[in-house]
Amino acid sequence: MRLGGNDLRTRWGIPVTSPARTLIDLAKSASRDRLEHAINAADRADLVDPERLRSELDARPGLRGVPALRRILDERTFVYTASGLERRFLPLARRAGLQKPVTRAWIEGYEVDFFWPDLSLVVETDSLRFHRTPSQLERDSRRDQAHAAIGLRALRFSHSQLRYDPESVVAALRKVAALARA
């Protein structure tokens, strides 16, 4: 299919496809995880946001990558994430019966990975990259204490748990959600 006027941009004098068209083309062959990563990266770089991308898809209904992008952008399933570890966590939260979380919320001066206000639940996904030094561990402890002080439950899941023991993550989420609902 030919590129339309909305599909082209010029960057440093070089013709390139628009961010939306690039995502549509990527959606033809990329895995769901890779496509979610690309949407999040484009969003973080302020190239496109999910609502603007949705509008762009409406203007291009016949393109082959559009259905895959629509499935990801579905309000019930798409959640902004900053890392692959966070993307790995989301399907486990859905399996545990949790609704769509708030992401990147600031609570008591700390940015959290996931927040369910109705359950008073904060979840952090801890990679070794950001949680291995004594100062990082100290900051995590202070964050958890600040959240506990206002009545929030804080759960932390490591990369190892999320990758190699996902059933324990699902079980923990189910138990904590049941306690919060009781």
N, C-alpha and C. Protein backbone atom coordinates (compact mmCIF):
# COMPACT_ATOMS: atom_id res chain seq x y z
N MET A 1 0.85 -1.18 0.00
CA MET A 1 0.00 0.00 0.00
C MET A 1 0.89 1.24 0.00
N ARG A 2 0.49 2.24 -0.74
CA ARG A 2 1.27 3.48 -0.85
C ARG A 2 1.17 4.27 0.46
N LEU A 3 2.21 5.02 0.72
CA LEU A 3 2.22 5.87 1.91
C LEU A 3 1.45 7.15 1.62
N GLY A 4 0.56 7.51 2.53
CA GLY A 4 -0.19 8.75 2.39
C GLY A 4 0.57 9.91 3.02
N GLY A 5 0.03 11.10 2.88
CA GLY A 5 0.68 12.30 3.40
C GLY A 5 0.88 12.27 4.91
N ASN A 6 -0.05 11.64 5.65
CA ASN A 6 0.08 11.56 7.10
C ASN A 6 1.11 10.52 7.54
N ASP A 7 1.54 9.70 6.59
CA ASP A 7 2.48 8.63 6.92
C ASP A 7 3.94 9.07 6.85
N LEU A 8 4.20 10.22 6.26
CA LEU A 8 5.58 10.64 6.02
C LEU A 8 5.96 11.86 6.85
N ARG A 9 7.20 11.89 7.25
CA ARG A 9 7.80 13.02 7.96
C ARG A 9 9.20 13.22 7.39
N THR A 10 9.80 14.33 7.73
CA THR A 10 11.20 14.55 7.39
C THR A 10 11.95 14.80 8.68
N ARG A 11 13.00 14.05 8.89
CA ARG A 11 13.82 14.19 10.10
C ARG A 11 15.25 14.41 9.65
N TRP A 12 15.81 15.55 9.99
CA TRP A 12 17.18 15.92 9.59
C TRP A 12 17.35 15.81 8.08
N GLY A 13 16.29 16.20 7.36
CA GLY A 13 16.33 16.17 5.91
C GLY A 13 16.14 14.80 5.28
N ILE A 14 15.84 13.81 6.09
CA ILE A 14 15.66 12.44 5.59
C ILE A 14 14.18 12.08 5.69
N PRO A 15 13.56 11.59 4.61
CA PRO A 15 12.17 11.18 4.71
C PRO A 15 12.04 9.89 5.53
N VAL A 16 11.12 9.90 6.48
CA VAL A 16 10.87 8.75 7.35
C VAL A 16 9.36 8.58 7.50
N THR A 17 8.96 7.41 7.95
CA THR A 17 7.54 7.22 8.22
C THR A 17 7.20 7.83 9.57
N SER A 18 5.94 8.21 9.73
CA SER A 18 5.47 8.78 11.00
C SER A 18 5.56 7.71 12.08
N PRO A 19 5.59 8.13 13.36
CA PRO A 19 5.61 7.13 14.43
C PRO A 19 4.44 6.16 14.34
N ALA A 20 3.25 6.66 14.04
CA ALA A 20 2.08 5.77 13.95
C ALA A 20 2.26 4.76 12.83
N ARG A 21 2.71 5.21 11.67
CA ARG A 21 2.88 4.29 10.54
C ARG A 21 3.99 3.27 10.84
N THR A 22 5.03 3.71 11.52
CA THR A 22 6.10 2.78 11.89
C THR A 22 5.55 1.69 12.80
N LEU A 23 4.72 2.05 13.77
CA LEU A 23 4.13 1.06 14.67
C LEU A 23 3.18 0.13 13.92
N ILE A 24 2.42 0.68 12.99
CA ILE A 24 1.52 -0.15 12.19
C ILE A 24 2.33 -1.17 11.40
N ASP A 25 3.40 -0.73 10.77
CA ASP A 25 4.24 -1.65 10.00
C ASP A 25 4.90 -2.69 10.90
N LEU A 26 5.36 -2.28 12.06
CA LEU A 26 5.98 -3.21 13.01
C LEU A 26 4.97 -4.26 13.47
N ALA A 27 3.72 -3.84 13.63
CA ALA A 27 2.67 -4.74 14.13
C ALA A 27 2.41 -5.91 13.19
N LYS A 28 2.81 -5.81 11.94
CA LYS A 28 2.60 -6.90 10.99
C LYS A 28 3.39 -8.15 11.36
N SER A 29 4.54 -7.96 12.02
CA SER A 29 5.41 -9.12 12.25
C SER A 29 5.95 -9.24 13.67
N ALA A 30 5.82 -8.21 14.48
CA ALA A 30 6.42 -8.23 15.82
C ALA A 30 5.56 -9.02 16.80
N SER A 31 6.23 -9.58 17.80
CA SER A 31 5.51 -10.24 18.89
C SER A 31 4.75 -9.18 19.70
N ARG A 32 3.78 -9.64 20.47
CA ARG A 32 3.01 -8.71 21.31
C ARG A 32 3.94 -7.94 22.26
N ASP A 33 4.88 -8.65 22.89
CA ASP A 33 5.78 -8.00 23.83
C ASP A 33 6.62 -6.93 23.14
N ARG A 34 7.14 -7.25 21.98
CA ARG A 34 7.98 -6.28 21.25
C ARG A 34 7.15 -5.08 20.82
N LEU A 35 5.91 -5.32 20.40
CA LEU A 35 5.04 -4.23 19.99
C LEU A 35 4.65 -3.35 21.18
N GLU A 36 4.33 -3.95 22.33
CA GLU A 36 4.05 -3.15 23.53
C GLU A 36 5.26 -2.31 23.91
N HIS A 37 6.45 -2.91 23.81
CA HIS A 37 7.68 -2.17 24.12
C HIS A 37 7.83 -0.98 23.18
N ALA A 38 7.56 -1.17 21.90
CA ALA A 38 7.68 -0.07 20.93
C ALA A 38 6.67 1.03 21.20
N ILE A 39 5.42 0.66 21.55
CA ILE A 39 4.41 1.67 21.88
C ILE A 39 4.84 2.47 23.11
N ASN A 40 5.32 1.77 24.13
CA ASN A 40 5.78 2.45 25.35
C ASN A 40 6.96 3.36 25.06
N ALA A 41 7.90 2.90 24.24
CA ALA A 41 9.07 3.72 23.91
C ALA A 41 8.65 4.97 23.14
N ALA A 42 7.73 4.82 22.19
CA ALA A 42 7.24 5.98 21.43
C ALA A 42 6.51 6.96 22.35
N ASP A 43 5.75 6.42 23.30
CA ASP A 43 5.04 7.26 24.25
C ASP A 43 6.02 8.02 25.15
N ARG A 44 7.03 7.31 25.69
CA ARG A 44 8.02 7.97 26.55
C ARG A 44 8.78 9.06 25.81
N ALA A 45 9.00 8.87 24.50
CA ALA A 45 9.73 9.86 23.71
C ALA A 45 8.81 10.96 23.18
N ASP A 46 7.54 10.96 23.62
CA ASP A 46 6.54 11.93 23.19
C ASP A 46 6.34 11.94 21.67
N LEU A 47 6.52 10.78 21.04
CA LEU A 47 6.28 10.67 19.60
C LEU A 47 4.81 10.38 19.31
N VAL A 48 4.17 9.66 20.24
CA VAL A 48 2.77 9.32 20.10
C VAL A 48 2.27 8.93 21.48
N ASP A 49 0.99 9.15 21.74
CA ASP A 49 0.40 8.65 22.97
C ASP A 49 -0.72 7.69 22.58
N PRO A 50 -1.16 6.83 23.48
CA PRO A 50 -2.15 5.83 23.10
C PRO A 50 -3.42 6.40 22.47
N GLU A 51 -3.92 7.51 22.96
CA GLU A 51 -5.15 8.07 22.39
C GLU A 51 -4.91 8.62 20.99
N ARG A 52 -3.79 9.29 20.79
CA ARG A 52 -3.48 9.80 19.45
C ARG A 52 -3.24 8.64 18.49
N LEU A 53 -2.59 7.60 18.97
CA LEU A 53 -2.35 6.43 18.14
C LEU A 53 -3.68 5.78 17.75
N ARG A 54 -4.62 5.72 18.69
CA ARG A 54 -5.94 5.18 18.39
C ARG A 54 -6.60 5.96 17.25
N SER A 55 -6.50 7.29 17.28
CA SER A 55 -7.05 8.13 16.21
C SER A 55 -6.37 7.85 14.89
N GLU A 56 -5.07 7.67 14.93
CA GLU A 56 -4.30 7.36 13.71
C GLU A 56 -4.77 6.02 13.13
N LEU A 57 -5.07 5.06 13.99
CA LEU A 57 -5.54 3.76 13.51
C LEU A 57 -6.91 3.89 12.85
N ASP A 58 -7.78 4.75 13.41
CA ASP A 58 -9.10 4.96 12.82
C ASP A 58 -8.99 5.51 11.40
N ALA A 59 -7.94 6.29 11.13
CA ALA A 59 -7.75 6.89 9.81
C ALA A 59 -7.13 5.89 8.81
N ARG A 60 -6.70 4.72 9.29
CA ARG A 60 -6.04 3.74 8.42
C ARG A 60 -6.64 2.34 8.63
N PRO A 61 -7.95 2.17 8.51
CA PRO A 61 -8.57 0.89 8.85
C PRO A 61 -8.13 -0.30 8.01
N GLY A 62 -7.68 -0.08 6.79
CA GLY A 62 -7.36 -1.21 5.92
C GLY A 62 -5.94 -1.73 6.02
N LEU A 63 -5.11 -1.11 6.82
CA LEU A 63 -3.71 -1.55 6.90
C LEU A 63 -3.57 -2.79 7.76
N ARG A 64 -2.68 -3.68 7.35
CA ARG A 64 -2.57 -5.00 7.97
C ARG A 64 -2.18 -4.99 9.44
N GLY A 65 -1.37 -4.05 9.91
CA GLY A 65 -0.95 -4.03 11.31
C GLY A 65 -1.96 -3.42 12.26
N VAL A 66 -2.99 -2.78 11.73
CA VAL A 66 -3.96 -2.07 12.57
C VAL A 66 -4.67 -2.99 13.57
N PRO A 67 -5.16 -4.17 13.18
CA PRO A 67 -5.87 -5.00 14.17
C PRO A 67 -4.99 -5.39 15.38
N ALA A 68 -3.72 -5.71 15.14
CA ALA A 68 -2.83 -6.08 16.26
C ALA A 68 -2.64 -4.90 17.20
N LEU A 69 -2.47 -3.71 16.65
CA LEU A 69 -2.32 -2.52 17.51
C LEU A 69 -3.60 -2.24 18.28
N ARG A 70 -4.75 -2.40 17.63
CA ARG A 70 -6.02 -2.18 18.32
C ARG A 70 -6.18 -3.11 19.52
N ARG A 71 -5.81 -4.37 19.35
CA ARG A 71 -5.92 -5.32 20.47
C ARG A 71 -5.08 -4.85 21.65
N ILE A 72 -3.89 -4.35 21.38
CA ILE A 72 -3.02 -3.90 22.46
C ILE A 72 -3.54 -2.63 23.10
N LEU A 73 -4.08 -1.75 22.29
CA LEU A 73 -4.55 -0.46 22.81
C LEU A 73 -5.92 -0.53 23.46
N ASP A 74 -6.53 -1.70 23.43
CA ASP A 74 -7.82 -1.86 24.08
C ASP A 74 -7.72 -1.34 25.51
N GLU A 75 -8.64 -0.50 25.89
CA GLU A 75 -8.61 0.13 27.22
C GLU A 75 -8.45 -0.86 28.36
N ARG A 76 -9.00 -2.06 28.20
CA ARG A 76 -8.94 -3.02 29.29
C ARG A 76 -7.60 -3.71 29.40
N THR A 77 -6.79 -3.67 28.34
CA THR A 77 -5.55 -4.44 28.39
C THR A 77 -4.28 -3.60 28.32
N PHE A 78 -4.30 -2.45 27.65
CA PHE A 78 -3.06 -1.71 27.50
C PHE A 78 -2.76 -0.90 28.75
N VAL A 79 -1.58 -1.07 29.27
CA VAL A 79 -1.13 -0.34 30.44
C VAL A 79 0.28 0.14 30.15
N TYR A 80 0.53 1.41 30.41
CA TYR A 80 1.87 1.96 30.19
C TYR A 80 2.84 1.28 31.15
N THR A 81 3.94 0.80 30.62
CA THR A 81 5.00 0.21 31.44
C THR A 81 6.34 0.78 31.02
N ALA A 82 7.30 0.73 31.92
CA ALA A 82 8.61 1.28 31.63
C ALA A 82 9.66 0.21 31.38
N SER A 83 9.32 -1.05 31.58
CA SER A 83 10.33 -2.09 31.41
C SER A 83 9.72 -3.41 30.98
N GLY A 84 10.56 -4.27 30.49
CA GLY A 84 10.13 -5.61 30.13
C GLY A 84 9.66 -6.40 31.33
N LEU A 85 10.28 -6.15 32.47
CA LEU A 85 9.87 -6.85 33.69
C LEU A 85 8.44 -6.46 34.08
N GLU A 86 8.11 -5.19 33.93
CA GLU A 86 6.75 -4.74 34.21
C GLU A 86 5.77 -5.35 33.22
N ARG A 87 6.17 -5.45 31.95
CA ARG A 87 5.29 -6.09 30.96
C ARG A 87 5.10 -7.58 31.28
N ARG A 88 6.11 -8.22 31.83
CA ARG A 88 6.01 -9.63 32.21
C ARG A 88 5.03 -9.79 33.39
N PHE A 89 4.96 -8.78 34.26
CA PHE A 89 4.10 -8.84 35.43
C PHE A 89 2.61 -8.72 35.08
N LEU A 90 2.26 -7.87 34.14
CA LEU A 90 0.85 -7.56 33.87
C LEU A 90 -0.03 -8.77 33.58
N PRO A 91 0.39 -9.72 32.74
CA PRO A 91 -0.48 -10.89 32.52
C PRO A 91 -0.70 -11.70 33.80
N LEU A 92 0.29 -11.70 34.69
CA LEU A 92 0.13 -12.42 35.95
C LEU A 92 -0.90 -11.73 36.83
N ALA A 93 -0.89 -10.40 36.83
CA ALA A 93 -1.89 -9.66 37.60
C ALA A 93 -3.29 -9.92 37.05
N ARG A 94 -3.41 -9.98 35.72
CA ARG A 94 -4.72 -10.29 35.12
C ARG A 94 -5.17 -11.71 35.50
N ARG A 95 -4.22 -12.66 35.48
CA ARG A 95 -4.56 -14.04 35.87
C ARG A 95 -5.02 -14.11 37.32
N ALA A 96 -4.49 -13.23 38.14
CA ALA A 96 -4.88 -13.20 39.56
C ALA A 96 -6.24 -12.53 39.76
N GLY A 97 -6.82 -12.00 38.70
CA GLY A 97 -8.14 -11.38 38.79
C GLY A 97 -8.12 -9.91 39.12
N LEU A 98 -6.94 -9.27 39.01
CA LEU A 98 -6.86 -7.84 39.30
C LEU A 98 -7.26 -7.02 38.08
N GLN A 99 -7.89 -5.91 38.33
CA GLN A 99 -8.27 -5.00 37.25
C GLN A 99 -7.03 -4.23 36.77
N LYS A 100 -7.22 -3.40 35.78
CA LYS A 100 -6.14 -2.59 35.23
C LYS A 100 -5.59 -1.66 36.32
N PRO A 101 -4.27 -1.69 36.54
CA PRO A 101 -3.69 -0.83 37.58
C PRO A 101 -3.39 0.58 37.07
N VAL A 102 -3.15 1.46 38.01
CA VAL A 102 -2.58 2.77 37.70
C VAL A 102 -1.07 2.54 37.66
N THR A 103 -0.42 3.05 36.65
CA THR A 103 1.03 2.90 36.56
C THR A 103 1.71 4.25 36.68
N ARG A 104 2.95 4.19 37.18
CA ARG A 104 3.79 5.38 37.33
C ARG A 104 3.14 6.44 38.22
N ALA A 105 2.36 6.03 39.20
CA ALA A 105 1.73 6.95 40.14
C ALA A 105 2.76 7.41 41.18
N TRP A 106 2.59 8.61 41.66
CA TRP A 106 3.45 9.14 42.74
C TRP A 106 2.66 9.08 44.04
N ILE A 107 3.21 8.34 45.01
CA ILE A 107 2.55 8.18 46.30
C ILE A 107 3.57 8.46 47.39
N GLU A 108 3.27 9.44 48.23
CA GLU A 108 4.17 9.81 49.33
C GLU A 108 5.58 10.12 48.83
N GLY A 109 5.68 10.75 47.67
CA GLY A 109 6.98 11.17 47.15
C GLY A 109 7.75 10.10 46.40
N TYR A 110 7.13 8.95 46.15
CA TYR A 110 7.79 7.85 45.44
C TYR A 110 6.96 7.44 44.23
N GLU A 111 7.64 7.23 43.11
CA GLU A 111 6.95 6.70 41.93
C GLU A 111 6.86 5.19 42.08
N VAL A 112 5.65 4.66 41.88
CA VAL A 112 5.45 3.21 42.03
C VAL A 112 5.19 2.60 40.66
N ASP A 113 5.51 1.31 40.54
CA ASP A 113 5.29 0.61 39.28
C ASP A 113 3.80 0.42 39.02
N PHE A 114 3.08 -0.14 40.01
CA PHE A 114 1.66 -0.45 39.85
C PHE A 114 0.90 -0.08 41.13
N PHE A 115 -0.32 0.44 40.97
CA PHE A 115 -1.12 0.83 42.12
C PHE A 115 -2.58 0.50 41.83
N TRP A 116 -3.19 -0.19 42.79
CA TRP A 116 -4.62 -0.48 42.76
C TRP A 116 -5.24 0.26 43.94
N PRO A 117 -5.79 1.46 43.71
CA PRO A 117 -6.36 2.25 44.81
C PRO A 117 -7.46 1.51 45.56
N ASP A 118 -8.32 0.77 44.84
CA ASP A 118 -9.44 0.08 45.49
C ASP A 118 -8.97 -1.02 46.43
N LEU A 119 -7.76 -1.54 46.22
CA LEU A 119 -7.21 -2.58 47.09
C LEU A 119 -6.14 -2.03 48.04
N SER A 120 -5.84 -0.74 47.93
CA SER A 120 -4.74 -0.13 48.69
C SER A 120 -3.46 -0.94 48.50
N LEU A 121 -3.20 -1.31 47.25
CA LEU A 121 -2.09 -2.20 46.93
C LEU A 121 -1.11 -1.54 45.98
N VAL A 122 0.15 -1.60 46.36
CA VAL A 122 1.26 -1.14 45.53
C VAL A 122 2.11 -2.37 45.19
N VAL A 123 2.48 -2.51 43.93
CA VAL A 123 3.37 -3.59 43.53
C VAL A 123 4.59 -2.99 42.83
N GLU A 124 5.74 -3.48 43.23
CA GLU A 124 7.00 -3.10 42.59
C GLU A 124 7.62 -4.34 41.96
N THR A 125 8.14 -4.20 40.77
CA THR A 125 8.87 -5.28 40.11
C THR A 125 10.34 -4.90 40.17
N ASP A 126 11.11 -5.73 40.83
CA ASP A 126 12.51 -5.38 41.15
C ASP A 126 13.50 -6.15 40.28
N SER A 127 14.14 -5.42 39.39
CA SER A 127 15.23 -6.00 38.61
C SER A 127 16.53 -5.77 39.37
N LEU A 128 17.51 -6.58 39.09
CA LEU A 128 18.81 -6.37 39.73
C LEU A 128 19.44 -5.05 39.30
N ARG A 129 19.10 -4.57 38.15
CA ARG A 129 19.68 -3.32 37.65
C ARG A 129 19.42 -2.15 38.60
N PHE A 130 18.22 -2.10 39.17
CA PHE A 130 17.85 -0.95 40.01
C PHE A 130 17.70 -1.28 41.48
N HIS A 131 17.97 -2.51 41.87
CA HIS A 131 17.71 -2.90 43.26
C HIS A 131 18.82 -3.77 43.83
N ARG A 132 20.09 -3.44 43.56
CA ARG A 132 21.15 -4.31 44.04
C ARG A 132 22.14 -3.65 45.00
N THR A 133 22.19 -2.33 45.03
CA THR A 133 23.17 -1.69 45.90
C THR A 133 22.54 -1.40 47.27
N PRO A 134 23.36 -1.25 48.30
CA PRO A 134 22.81 -0.92 49.62
C PRO A 134 21.95 0.35 49.61
N SER A 135 22.35 1.36 48.87
CA SER A 135 21.55 2.59 48.85
C SER A 135 20.21 2.38 48.15
N GLN A 136 20.19 1.55 47.11
CA GLN A 136 18.93 1.25 46.44
C GLN A 136 18.01 0.44 47.35
N LEU A 137 18.58 -0.51 48.06
CA LEU A 137 17.78 -1.31 49.00
C LEU A 137 17.24 -0.44 50.13
N GLU A 138 18.04 0.49 50.60
CA GLU A 138 17.60 1.43 51.64
C GLU A 138 16.42 2.27 51.15
N ARG A 139 16.52 2.77 49.93
CA ARG A 139 15.44 3.57 49.35
C ARG A 139 14.16 2.73 49.23
N ASP A 140 14.30 1.47 48.81
CA ASP A 140 13.13 0.59 48.72
C ASP A 140 12.48 0.39 50.08
N SER A 141 13.29 0.21 51.11
CA SER A 141 12.76 0.03 52.47
C SER A 141 12.01 1.27 52.92
N ARG A 142 12.59 2.43 52.70
CA ARG A 142 11.93 3.69 53.08
C ARG A 142 10.62 3.88 52.31
N ARG A 143 10.61 3.53 51.04
CA ARG A 143 9.41 3.63 50.22
C ARG A 143 8.31 2.74 50.80
N ASP A 144 8.66 1.47 51.08
CA ASP A 144 7.67 0.54 51.63
C ASP A 144 7.14 1.02 52.98
N GLN A 145 8.02 1.59 53.81
CA GLN A 145 7.60 2.11 55.11
C GLN A 145 6.66 3.30 54.95
N ALA A 146 6.96 4.20 54.01
CA ALA A 146 6.10 5.36 53.77
C ALA A 146 4.72 4.92 53.30
N HIS A 147 4.69 3.90 52.48
CA HIS A 147 3.40 3.41 51.99
C HIS A 147 2.62 2.68 53.09
N ALA A 148 3.32 1.88 53.90
CA ALA A 148 2.67 1.18 55.02
C ALA A 148 2.11 2.19 56.02
N ALA A 149 2.80 3.30 56.21
CA ALA A 149 2.36 4.31 57.17
C ALA A 149 1.03 4.95 56.79
N ILE A 150 0.66 4.90 55.52
CA ILE A 150 -0.65 5.45 55.12
C ILE A 150 -1.65 4.34 54.79
N GLY A 151 -1.30 3.12 55.20
CA GLY A 151 -2.25 2.01 55.08
C GLY A 151 -2.21 1.23 53.78
N LEU A 152 -1.14 1.39 53.01
CA LEU A 152 -1.03 0.63 51.76
C LEU A 152 -0.29 -0.68 51.99
N ARG A 153 -0.67 -1.69 51.24
CA ARG A 153 0.09 -2.95 51.21
C ARG A 153 1.08 -2.83 50.06
N ALA A 154 2.31 -3.19 50.31
CA ALA A 154 3.33 -3.14 49.26
C ALA A 154 3.87 -4.54 49.02
N LEU A 155 3.84 -4.96 47.77
CA LEU A 155 4.42 -6.24 47.38
C LEU A 155 5.56 -5.98 46.41
N ARG A 156 6.61 -6.77 46.55
CA ARG A 156 7.75 -6.69 45.63
C ARG A 156 7.96 -8.06 45.02
N PHE A 157 8.16 -8.06 43.71
CA PHE A 157 8.44 -9.31 43.01
C PHE A 157 9.75 -9.15 42.24
N SER A 158 10.61 -10.14 42.38
CA SER A 158 11.90 -10.10 41.70
C SER A 158 11.78 -10.63 40.28
N HIS A 159 12.80 -10.33 39.50
CA HIS A 159 12.87 -10.86 38.14
C HIS A 159 12.78 -12.38 38.17
N SER A 160 13.50 -13.00 39.10
CA SER A 160 13.52 -14.45 39.20
C SER A 160 12.12 -15.00 39.46
N GLN A 161 11.38 -14.39 40.37
CA GLN A 161 10.01 -14.84 40.65
C GLN A 161 9.13 -14.72 39.42
N LEU A 162 9.21 -13.56 38.77
CA LEU A 162 8.35 -13.31 37.62
C LEU A 162 8.67 -14.24 36.46
N ARG A 163 9.93 -14.55 36.29
CA ARG A 163 10.32 -15.40 35.16
C ARG A 163 10.21 -16.89 35.45
N TYR A 164 10.65 -17.31 36.64
CA TYR A 164 10.77 -18.74 36.91
C TYR A 164 9.73 -19.31 37.87
N ASP A 165 8.99 -18.45 38.56
CA ASP A 165 7.98 -18.93 39.49
C ASP A 165 6.72 -18.06 39.42
N PRO A 166 6.16 -17.90 38.23
CA PRO A 166 5.01 -17.00 38.09
C PRO A 166 3.79 -17.44 38.89
N GLU A 167 3.65 -18.75 39.14
CA GLU A 167 2.49 -19.22 39.90
C GLU A 167 2.50 -18.68 41.33
N SER A 168 3.69 -18.52 41.92
CA SER A 168 3.75 -17.95 43.28
C SER A 168 3.35 -16.48 43.27
N VAL A 169 3.65 -15.78 42.19
CA VAL A 169 3.26 -14.38 42.05
C VAL A 169 1.73 -14.29 41.97
N VAL A 170 1.14 -15.11 41.13
CA VAL A 170 -0.32 -15.12 40.98
C VAL A 170 -0.98 -15.47 42.31
N ALA A 171 -0.46 -16.48 42.99
CA ALA A 171 -1.03 -16.89 44.28
C ALA A 171 -0.95 -15.77 45.31
N ALA A 172 0.19 -15.10 45.40
CA ALA A 172 0.35 -14.00 46.36
C ALA A 172 -0.62 -12.87 46.05
N LEU A 173 -0.75 -12.52 44.77
CA LEU A 173 -1.67 -11.45 44.39
C LEU A 173 -3.12 -11.82 44.74
N ARG A 174 -3.50 -13.05 44.48
CA ARG A 174 -4.87 -13.49 44.81
C ARG A 174 -5.13 -13.39 46.30
N LYS A 175 -4.18 -13.84 47.12
CA LYS A 175 -4.36 -13.81 48.57
C LYS A 175 -4.46 -12.38 49.09
N VAL A 176 -3.58 -11.51 48.63
CA VAL A 176 -3.57 -10.13 49.11
C VAL A 176 -4.86 -9.42 48.64
N ALA A 177 -5.28 -9.68 47.42
CA ALA A 177 -6.52 -9.06 46.91
C ALA A 177 -7.73 -9.54 47.72
N ALA A 178 -7.75 -10.83 48.04
CA ALA A 178 -8.86 -11.37 48.85
C ALA A 178 -8.90 -10.73 50.23
N LEU A 179 -7.74 -10.55 50.85
CA LEU A 179 -7.67 -9.89 52.16
C LEU A 179 -8.16 -8.44 52.06
N ALA A 180 -7.76 -7.75 51.00
CA ALA A 180 -8.15 -6.35 50.85
C ALA A 180 -9.64 -6.21 50.62
N ARG A 181 -10.23 -7.17 49.92
CA ARG A 181 -11.67 -7.11 49.63
C ARG A 181 -12.52 -7.53 50.81
N ALA A 182 -11.93 -8.27 51.76
CA ALA A 182 -12.71 -8.80 52.90
C ALA A 182 -13.07 -7.72 53.89
